Amino acid sequence: MIYFFDVRDGDDLSHDDTGIDLPDPAAARLQATLALTEMARDDLPSNGDERKLSIHVRTAEGPQFDVSLDYELQVTSGQNPDQD
């Protein structure tokens, strides 16, 4: 079955028009999870203290599931986390 992986990065949405042929929903979940963790490794944080990344997985039959990651920096000590 062909699975499409639409990526949302904050307010930006990128539609997957090609898709990937995968054997089952478990393989699609794994693919989405791996892609999301790679995005997080490469992109968090970008410019600021929060970021939301998500992947909306669909087939020709319709939506299947979403995988998302919310990143938020919360400073609790009064210290600037960018300083040593």
PDB file of N, CA and C in Angstrom:
ATOM      1  N   MET A   1       0.854  -1.169   0.000  1.00  0.00           N
ATOM      2  CA  MET A   1       0.000   0.000   0.000  1.00  0.00           C
ATOM      3  C   MET A   1       0.902   1.235   0.000  1.00  0.00           C
ATOM      4  N   ILE A   2       0.472   2.273  -0.705  1.00  0.00           N
ATOM      5  CA  ILE A   2       1.220   3.527  -0.748  1.00  0.00           C
ATOM      6  C   ILE A   2       0.786   4.417   0.420  1.00  0.00           C
ATOM      7  N   TYR A   3       1.775   4.837   1.223  1.00  0.00           N
ATOM      8  CA  TYR A   3       1.546   5.754   2.341  1.00  0.00           C
ATOM      9  C   TYR A   3       2.166   7.099   2.005  1.00  0.00           C
ATOM     10  N   PHE A   4       1.428   8.156   2.315  1.00  0.00           N
ATOM     11  CA  PHE A   4       1.887   9.522   2.094  1.00  0.00           C
ATOM     12  C   PHE A   4       2.182  10.158   3.444  1.00  0.00           C
ATOM     13  N   PHE A   5       3.284  10.899   3.513  1.00  0.00           N
ATOM     14  CA  PHE A   5       3.754  11.484   4.761  1.00  0.00           C
ATOM     15  C   PHE A   5       3.797  13.006   4.614  1.00  0.00           C
ATOM     16  N   ASP A   6       2.749  13.679   5.065  1.00  0.00           N
ATOM     17  CA  ASP A   6       2.673  15.139   5.010  1.00  0.00           C
ATOM     18  C   ASP A   6       3.334  15.694   6.262  1.00  0.00           C
ATOM     19  N   VAL A   7       4.269  16.612   6.082  1.00  0.00           N
ATOM     20  CA  VAL A   7       5.067  17.125   7.196  1.00  0.00           C
ATOM     21  C   VAL A   7       4.617  18.530   7.563  1.00  0.00           C
ATOM     22  N   ARG A   8       4.369  18.734   8.844  1.00  0.00           N
ATOM     23  CA  ARG A   8       4.057  20.069   9.367  1.00  0.00           C
ATOM     24  C   ARG A   8       5.178  20.475  10.312  1.00  0.00           C
ATOM     25  N   ASP A   9       5.715  21.663  10.038  1.00  0.00           N
ATOM     26  CA  ASP A   9       6.756  22.255  10.877  1.00  0.00           C
ATOM     27  C   ASP A   9       6.231  23.613  11.312  1.00  0.00           C
ATOM     28  N   GLY A  10       5.650  23.670  12.511  1.00  0.00           N
ATOM     29  CA  GLY A  10       4.996  24.903  12.949  1.00  0.00           C
ATOM     30  C   GLY A  10       3.791  25.175  12.069  1.00  0.00           C
ATOM     31  N   ASP A  11       3.818  26.313  11.368  1.00  0.00           N
ATOM     32  CA  ASP A  11       2.715  26.667  10.481  1.00  0.00           C
ATOM     33  C   ASP A  11       2.942  26.212   9.040  1.00  0.00           C
ATOM     34  N   ASP A  12       4.124  25.682   8.744  1.00  0.00           N
ATOM     35  CA  ASP A  12       4.450  25.248   7.380  1.00  0.00           C
ATOM     36  C   ASP A  12       4.014  23.804   7.163  1.00  0.00           C
ATOM     37  N   LEU A  13       3.342  23.554   6.044  1.00  0.00           N
ATOM     38  CA  LEU A  13       2.881  22.211   5.701  1.00  0.00           C
ATOM     39  C   LEU A  13       3.428  21.819   4.343  1.00  0.00           C
ATOM     40  N   SER A  14       4.033  20.645   4.281  1.00  0.00           N
ATOM     41  CA  SER A  14       4.571  20.112   3.034  1.00  0.00           C
ATOM     42  C   SER A  14       3.832  18.819   2.706  1.00  0.00           C
ATOM     43  N   HIS A  15       3.097  18.825   1.585  1.00  0.00           N
ATOM     44  CA  HIS A  15       2.331  17.639   1.171  1.00  0.00           C
ATOM     45  C   HIS A  15       3.224  16.671   0.407  1.00  0.00           C
ATOM     46  N   ASP A  16       3.111  15.410   0.741  1.00  0.00           N
ATOM     47  CA  ASP A  16       3.826  14.339   0.050  1.00  0.00           C
ATOM     48  C   ASP A  16       2.965  13.890  -1.124  1.00  0.00           C
ATOM     49  N   ASP A  17       3.444  14.136  -2.328  1.00  0.00           N
ATOM     50  CA  ASP A  17       2.700  13.744  -3.523  1.00  0.00           C
ATOM     51  C   ASP A  17       3.197  12.427  -4.111  1.00  0.00           C
ATOM     52  N   THR A  18       4.296  11.900  -3.567  1.00  0.00           N
ATOM     53  CA  THR A  18       4.899  10.685  -4.109  1.00  0.00           C
ATOM     54  C   THR A  18       4.516   9.449  -3.305  1.00  0.00           C
ATOM     55  N   GLY A  19       4.723   9.510  -1.999  1.00  0.00           N
ATOM     56  CA  GLY A  19       4.410   8.377  -1.135  1.00  0.00           C
ATOM     57  C   GLY A  19       5.472   7.302  -1.167  1.00  0.00           C
ATOM     58  N   ILE A  20       5.303   6.351  -0.265  1.00  0.00           N
ATOM     59  CA  ILE A  20       6.216   5.210  -0.144  1.00  0.00           C
ATOM     60  C   ILE A  20       5.379   3.945  -0.071  1.00  0.00           C
ATOM     61  N   ASP A  21       5.775   2.931  -0.837  1.00  0.00           N
ATOM     62  CA  ASP A  21       5.083   1.646  -0.814  1.00  0.00           C
ATOM     63  C   ASP A  21       5.601   0.845   0.383  1.00  0.00           C
ATOM     64  N   LEU A  22       4.726   0.591   1.342  1.00  0.00           N
ATOM     65  CA  LEU A  22       5.088  -0.142   2.549  1.00  0.00           C
ATOM     66  C   LEU A  22       4.129  -1.313   2.745  1.00  0.00           C
ATOM     67  N   PRO A  23       4.584  -2.364   3.416  1.00  0.00           N
ATOM     68  CA  PRO A  23       3.764  -3.579   3.512  1.00  0.00           C
ATOM     69  C   PRO A  23       2.550  -3.487   4.429  1.00  0.00           C
ATOM     70  N   ASP A  24       2.628  -2.607   5.473  1.00  0.00           N
ATOM     71  CA  ASP A  24       1.531  -2.588   6.432  1.00  0.00           C
ATOM     72  C   ASP A  24       1.593  -1.324   7.285  1.00  0.00           C
ATOM     73  N   PRO A  25       0.545  -1.086   8.089  1.00  0.00           N
ATOM     74  CA  PRO A  25       0.525   0.114   8.938  1.00  0.00           C
ATOM     75  C   PRO A  25       1.689   0.180   9.934  1.00  0.00           C
ATOM     76  N   ALA A  26       2.148  -0.971  10.421  1.00  0.00           N
ATOM     77  CA  ALA A  26       3.271  -0.966  11.366  1.00  0.00           C
ATOM     78  C   ALA A  26       4.531  -0.414  10.703  1.00  0.00           C
ATOM     79  N   ALA A  27       4.758  -0.767   9.471  1.00  0.00           N
ATOM     80  CA  ALA A  27       5.918  -0.246   8.736  1.00  0.00           C
ATOM     81  C   ALA A  27       5.773   1.258   8.507  1.00  0.00           C
ATOM     82  N   ALA A  28       4.556   1.717   8.240  1.00  0.00           N
ATOM     83  CA  ALA A  28       4.311   3.153   8.064  1.00  0.00           C
ATOM     84  C   ALA A  28       4.549   3.904   9.376  1.00  0.00           C
ATOM     85  N   ARG A  29       4.118   3.338  10.491  1.00  0.00           N
ATOM     86  CA  ARG A  29       4.366   3.965  11.799  1.00  0.00           C
ATOM     87  C   ARG A  29       5.860   4.069  12.076  1.00  0.00           C
ATOM     88  N   LEU A  30       6.585   3.009  11.784  1.00  0.00           N
ATOM     89  CA  LEU A  30       8.029   3.029  11.984  1.00  0.00           C
ATOM     90  C   LEU A  30       8.677   4.090  11.098  1.00  0.00           C
ATOM     91  N   GLN A  31       8.282   4.141   9.848  1.00  0.00           N
ATOM     92  CA  GLN A  31       8.835   5.131   8.911  1.00  0.00           C
ATOM     93  C   GLN A  31       8.568   6.551   9.408  1.00  0.00           C
ATOM     94  N   ALA A  32       7.352   6.817   9.845  1.00  0.00           N
ATOM     95  CA  ALA A  32       6.995   8.155  10.340  1.00  0.00           C
ATOM     96  C   ALA A  32       7.776   8.496  11.600  1.00  0.00           C
ATOM     97  N   THR A  33       7.918   7.544  12.495  1.00  0.00           N
ATOM     98  CA  THR A  33       8.650   7.771  13.737  1.00  0.00           C
ATOM     99  C   THR A  33      10.128   8.044  13.459  1.00  0.00           C
ATOM    100  N   LEU A  34      10.730   7.270  12.585  1.00  0.00           N
ATOM    101  CA  LEU A  34      12.130   7.494  12.231  1.00  0.00           C
ATOM    102  C   LEU A  34      12.327   8.849  11.564  1.00  0.00           C
ATOM    103  N   ALA A  35      11.424   9.207  10.670  1.00  0.00           N
ATOM    104  CA  ALA A  35      11.519  10.506   9.995  1.00  0.00           C
ATOM    105  C   ALA A  35      11.390  11.651  10.989  1.00  0.00           C
ATOM    106  N   LEU A  36      10.469  11.521  11.930  1.00  0.00           N
ATOM    107  CA  LEU A  36      10.260  12.578  12.924  1.00  0.00           C
ATOM    108  C   LEU A  36      11.476  12.720  13.838  1.00  0.00           C
ATOM    109  N   THR A  37      12.056  11.622  14.271  1.00  0.00           N
ATOM    110  CA  THR A  37      13.233  11.721  15.129  1.00  0.00           C
ATOM    111  C   THR A  37      14.425  12.303  14.371  1.00  0.00           C
ATOM    112  N   GLU A  38      14.538  12.005  13.097  1.00  0.00           N
ATOM    113  CA  GLU A  38      15.605  12.607  12.287  1.00  0.00           C
ATOM    114  C   GLU A  38      15.386  14.110  12.132  1.00  0.00           C
ATOM    115  N   MET A  39      14.144  14.514  11.897  1.00  0.00           N
ATOM    116  CA  MET A  39      13.827  15.946  11.815  1.00  0.00           C
ATOM    117  C   MET A  39      14.177  16.636  13.123  1.00  0.00           C
ATOM    118  N   ALA A  40      13.834  16.018  14.240  1.00  0.00           N
ATOM    119  CA  ALA A  40      14.110  16.612  15.546  1.00  0.00           C
ATOM    120  C   ALA A  40      15.613  16.738  15.768  1.00  0.00           C
ATOM    121  N   ARG A  41      16.345  15.721  15.407  1.00  0.00           N
ATOM    122  CA  ARG A  41      17.799  15.758  15.583  1.00  0.00           C
ATOM    123  C   ARG A  41      18.418  16.881  14.762  1.00  0.00           C
ATOM    124  N   ASP A  42      17.919  17.093  13.555  1.00  0.00           N
ATOM    125  CA  ASP A  42      18.490  18.093  12.656  1.00  0.00           C
ATOM    126  C   ASP A  42      17.985  19.505  12.922  1.00  0.00           C
ATOM    127  N   ASP A  43      16.787  19.655  13.480  1.00  0.00           N
ATOM    128  CA  ASP A  43      16.134  20.963  13.494  1.00  0.00           C
ATOM    129  C   ASP A  43      15.788  21.544  14.857  1.00  0.00           C
ATOM    130  N   LEU A  44      15.946  20.849  15.952  1.00  0.00           N
ATOM    131  CA  LEU A  44      15.519  21.393  17.243  1.00  0.00           C
ATOM    132  C   LEU A  44      16.675  21.990  18.012  1.00  0.00           C
ATOM    133  N   PRO A  45      16.488  23.099  18.689  1.00  0.00           N
ATOM    134  CA  PRO A  45      15.504  24.118  18.363  1.00  0.00           C
ATOM    135  C   PRO A  45      16.011  24.946  17.196  1.00  0.00           C
ATOM    136  N   SER A  46      15.130  25.565  16.460  1.00  0.00           N
ATOM    137  CA  SER A  46      15.564  26.344  15.305  1.00  0.00           C
ATOM    138  C   SER A  46      15.954  27.745  15.742  1.00  0.00           C
ATOM    139  N   ASN A  47      14.975  28.537  16.109  1.00  0.00           N
ATOM    140  CA  ASN A  47      15.262  29.902  16.574  1.00  0.00           C
ATOM    141  C   ASN A  47      14.184  30.264  17.578  1.00  0.00           C
ATOM    142  N   GLY A  48      14.410  29.896  18.778  1.00  0.00           N
ATOM    143  CA  GLY A  48      13.433  30.144  19.816  1.00  0.00           C
ATOM    144  C   GLY A  48      13.402  28.999  20.797  1.00  0.00           C
ATOM    145  N   ASP A  49      12.438  29.058  21.653  1.00  0.00           N
ATOM    146  CA  ASP A  49      12.382  28.090  22.737  1.00  0.00           C
ATOM    147  C   ASP A  49      11.297  27.047  22.568  1.00  0.00           C
ATOM    148  N   GLU A  50      10.628  27.022  21.421  1.00  0.00           N
ATOM    149  CA  GLU A  50       9.630  25.986  21.205  1.00  0.00           C
ATOM    150  C   GLU A  50       9.519  25.665  19.727  1.00  0.00           C
ATOM    151  N   ARG A  51       9.046  24.460  19.477  1.00  0.00           N
ATOM    152  CA  ARG A  51       8.909  23.983  18.106  1.00  0.00           C
ATOM    153  C   ARG A  51       7.935  22.823  18.104  1.00  0.00           C
ATOM    154  N   LYS A  52       7.099  22.745  17.084  1.00  0.00           N
ATOM    155  CA  LYS A  52       6.180  21.613  16.927  1.00  0.00           C
ATOM    156  C   LYS A  52       6.401  21.013  15.549  1.00  0.00           C
ATOM    157  N   LEU A  53       6.662  19.728  15.533  1.00  0.00           N
ATOM    158  CA  LEU A  53       6.838  18.968  14.296  1.00  0.00           C
ATOM    159  C   LEU A  53       5.813  17.844  14.282  1.00  0.00           C
ATOM    160  N   SER A  54       5.230  17.585  13.128  1.00  0.00           N
ATOM    161  CA  SER A  54       4.307  16.457  13.040  1.00  0.00           C
ATOM    162  C   SER A  54       4.296  15.895  11.628  1.00  0.00           C
ATOM    163  N   ILE A  55       3.936  14.636  11.548  1.00  0.00           N
ATOM    164  CA  ILE A  55       3.789  13.950  10.271  1.00  0.00           C
ATOM    165  C   ILE A  55       2.391  13.340  10.248  1.00  0.00           C
ATOM    166  N   HIS A  56       1.632  13.731   9.237  1.00  0.00           N
ATOM    167  CA  HIS A  56       0.275  13.217   9.026  1.00  0.00           C
ATOM    168  C   HIS A  56       0.382  12.125   7.963  1.00  0.00           C
ATOM    169  N   VAL A  57       0.032  10.917   8.329  1.00  0.00           N
ATOM    170  CA  VAL A  57       0.152   9.775   7.411  1.00  0.00           C
ATOM    171  C   VAL A  57      -1.212   9.444   6.842  1.00  0.00           C
ATOM    172  N   ARG A  58      -1.241   9.306   5.514  1.00  0.00           N
ATOM    173  CA  ARG A  58      -2.500   9.007   4.823  1.00  0.00           C
ATOM    174  C   ARG A  58      -2.248   8.011   3.697  1.00  0.00           C
ATOM    175  N   THR A  59      -3.326   7.396   3.245  1.00  0.00           N
ATOM    176  CA  THR A  59      -3.314   6.536   2.061  1.00  0.00           C
ATOM    177  C   THR A  59      -4.378   7.077   1.107  1.00  0.00           C
ATOM    178  N   ALA A  60      -4.541   6.407  -0.006  1.00  0.00           N
ATOM    179  CA  ALA A  60      -5.597   6.798  -0.940  1.00  0.00           C
ATOM    180  C   ALA A  60      -6.972   6.650  -0.292  1.00  0.00           C
ATOM    181  N   GLU A  61      -7.060   5.818   0.732  1.00  0.00           N
ATOM    182  CA  GLU A  61      -8.322   5.593   1.450  1.00  0.00           C
ATOM    183  C   GLU A  61      -8.627   6.689   2.461  1.00  0.00           C
ATOM    184  N   GLY A  62      -7.622   7.521   2.801  1.00  0.00           N
ATOM    185  CA  GLY A  62      -7.842   8.603   3.745  1.00  0.00           C
ATOM    186  C   GLY A  62      -6.791   8.646   4.839  1.00  0.00           C
ATOM    187  N   PRO A  63      -7.011   9.506   5.848  1.00  0.00           N
ATOM    188  CA  PRO A  63      -6.061   9.650   6.962  1.00  0.00           C
ATOM    189  C   PRO A  63      -5.885   8.338   7.717  1.00  0.00           C
ATOM    190  N   GLN A  64      -4.650   8.094   8.154  1.00  0.00           N
ATOM    191  CA  GLN A  64      -4.347   6.892   8.920  1.00  0.00           C
ATOM    192  C   GLN A  64      -3.959   7.225  10.363  1.00  0.00           C
ATOM    193  N   PHE A  65      -2.988   8.120  10.541  1.00  0.00           N
ATOM    194  CA  PHE A  65      -2.557   8.513  11.887  1.00  0.00           C
ATOM    195  C   PHE A  65      -1.613   9.705  11.797  1.00  0.00           C
ATOM    196  N   ASP A  66      -1.333  10.308  12.956  1.00  0.00           N
ATOM    197  CA  ASP A  66      -0.386  11.415  13.072  1.00  0.00           C
ATOM    198  C   ASP A  66       0.677  11.037  14.092  1.00  0.00           C
ATOM    199  N   VAL A  67       1.896  11.498  13.836  1.00  0.00           N
ATOM    200  CA  VAL A  67       2.997  11.371  14.777  1.00  0.00           C
ATOM    201  C   VAL A  67       3.490  12.789  15.016  1.00  0.00           C
ATOM    202  N   SER A  68       3.623  13.193  16.282  1.00  0.00           N
ATOM    203  CA  SER A  68       4.034  14.578  16.533  1.00  0.00           C
ATOM    204  C   SER A  68       5.027  14.668  17.675  1.00  0.00           C
ATOM    205  N   LEU A  69       5.755  15.784  17.668  1.00  0.00           N
ATOM    206  CA  LEU A  69       6.724  16.068  18.706  1.00  0.00           C
ATOM    207  C   LEU A  69       6.634  17.548  19.030  1.00  0.00           C
ATOM    208  N   ASP A  70       6.448  17.867  20.296  1.00  0.00           N
ATOM    209  CA  ASP A  70       6.425  19.252  20.770  1.00  0.00           C
ATOM    210  C   ASP A  70       7.673  19.480  21.606  1.00  0.00           C
ATOM    211  N   TYR A  71       8.413  20.534  21.270  1.00  0.00           N
ATOM    212  CA  TYR A  71       9.609  20.903  22.020  1.00  0.00           C
ATOM    213  C   TYR A  71       9.361  22.257  22.653  1.00  0.00           C
ATOM    214  N   GLU A  72       9.637  22.349  23.948  1.00  0.00           N
ATOM    215  CA  GLU A  72       9.494  23.622  24.639  1.00  0.00           C
ATOM    216  C   GLU A  72      10.567  23.710  25.715  1.00  0.00           C
ATOM    217  N   LEU A  73      11.312  24.800  25.709  1.00  0.00           N
ATOM    218  CA  LEU A  73      12.304  25.057  26.734  1.00  0.00           C
ATOM    219  C   LEU A  73      11.649  25.848  27.847  1.00  0.00           C
ATOM    220  N   GLN A  74      11.722  25.341  29.065  1.00  0.00           N
ATOM    221  CA  GLN A  74      11.168  26.034  30.229  1.00  0.00           C
ATOM    222  C   GLN A  74      12.293  26.280  31.219  1.00  0.00           C
ATOM    223  N   VAL A  75      12.643  27.537  31.396  1.00  0.00           N
ATOM    224  CA  VAL A  75      13.701  27.895  32.329  1.00  0.00           C
ATOM    225  C   VAL A  75      13.071  28.087  33.706  1.00  0.00           C
ATOM    226  N   THR A  76      13.572  27.365  34.686  1.00  0.00           N
ATOM    227  CA  THR A  76      12.982  27.438  36.032  1.00  0.00           C
ATOM    228  C   THR A  76      13.893  28.094  37.055  1.00  0.00           C
ATOM    229  N   SER A  77      15.165  28.290  36.710  1.00  0.00           N
ATOM    230  CA  SER A  77      16.107  28.784  37.711  1.00  0.00           C
ATOM    231  C   SER A  77      16.397  30.264  37.624  1.00  0.00           C
ATOM    232  N   GLY A  78      15.858  30.958  36.655  1.00  0.00           N
ATOM    233  CA  GLY A  78      16.172  32.367  36.461  1.00  0.00           C
ATOM    234  C   GLY A  78      17.464  32.570  35.688  1.00  0.00           C
ATOM    235  N   GLN A  79      18.154  31.490  35.369  1.00  0.00           N
ATOM    236  CA  GLN A  79      19.395  31.558  34.591  1.00  0.00           C
ATOM    237  C   GLN A  79      19.082  31.500  33.108  1.00  0.00           C
ATOM    238  N   ASN A  80      19.904  32.138  32.318  1.00  0.00           N
ATOM    239  CA  ASN A  80      19.789  32.071  30.867  1.00  0.00           C
ATOM    240  C   ASN A  80      20.427  30.743  30.434  1.00  0.00           C
ATOM    241  N   PRO A  81      19.674  29.828  29.818  1.00  0.00           N
ATOM    242  CA  PRO A  81      20.222  28.530  29.448  1.00  0.00           C
ATOM    243  C   PRO A  81      21.292  28.613  28.360  1.00  0.00           C
ATOM    244  N   ASP A  82      21.426  29.764  27.702  1.00  0.00           N
ATOM    245  CA  ASP A  82      22.427  29.932  26.664  1.00  0.00           C
ATOM    246  C   ASP A  82      23.775  30.356  27.237  1.00  0.00           C
ATOM    247  N   GLN A  83      23.822  30.639  28.541  1.00  0.00           N
ATOM    248  CA  GLN A  83      25.064  31.045  29.196  1.00  0.00           C
ATOM    249  C   GLN A  83      25.571  29.929  30.089  1.00  0.00           C
ATOM    250  N   ASP A  84      26.883  29.865  30.239  1.00  0.00           N
ATOM    251  CA  ASP A  84      27.486  28.858  31.137  1.00  0.00           C
ATOM    252  C   ASP A  84      27.435  29.313  32.570  1.00  0.00           C
TER     253      ASP A  84
END
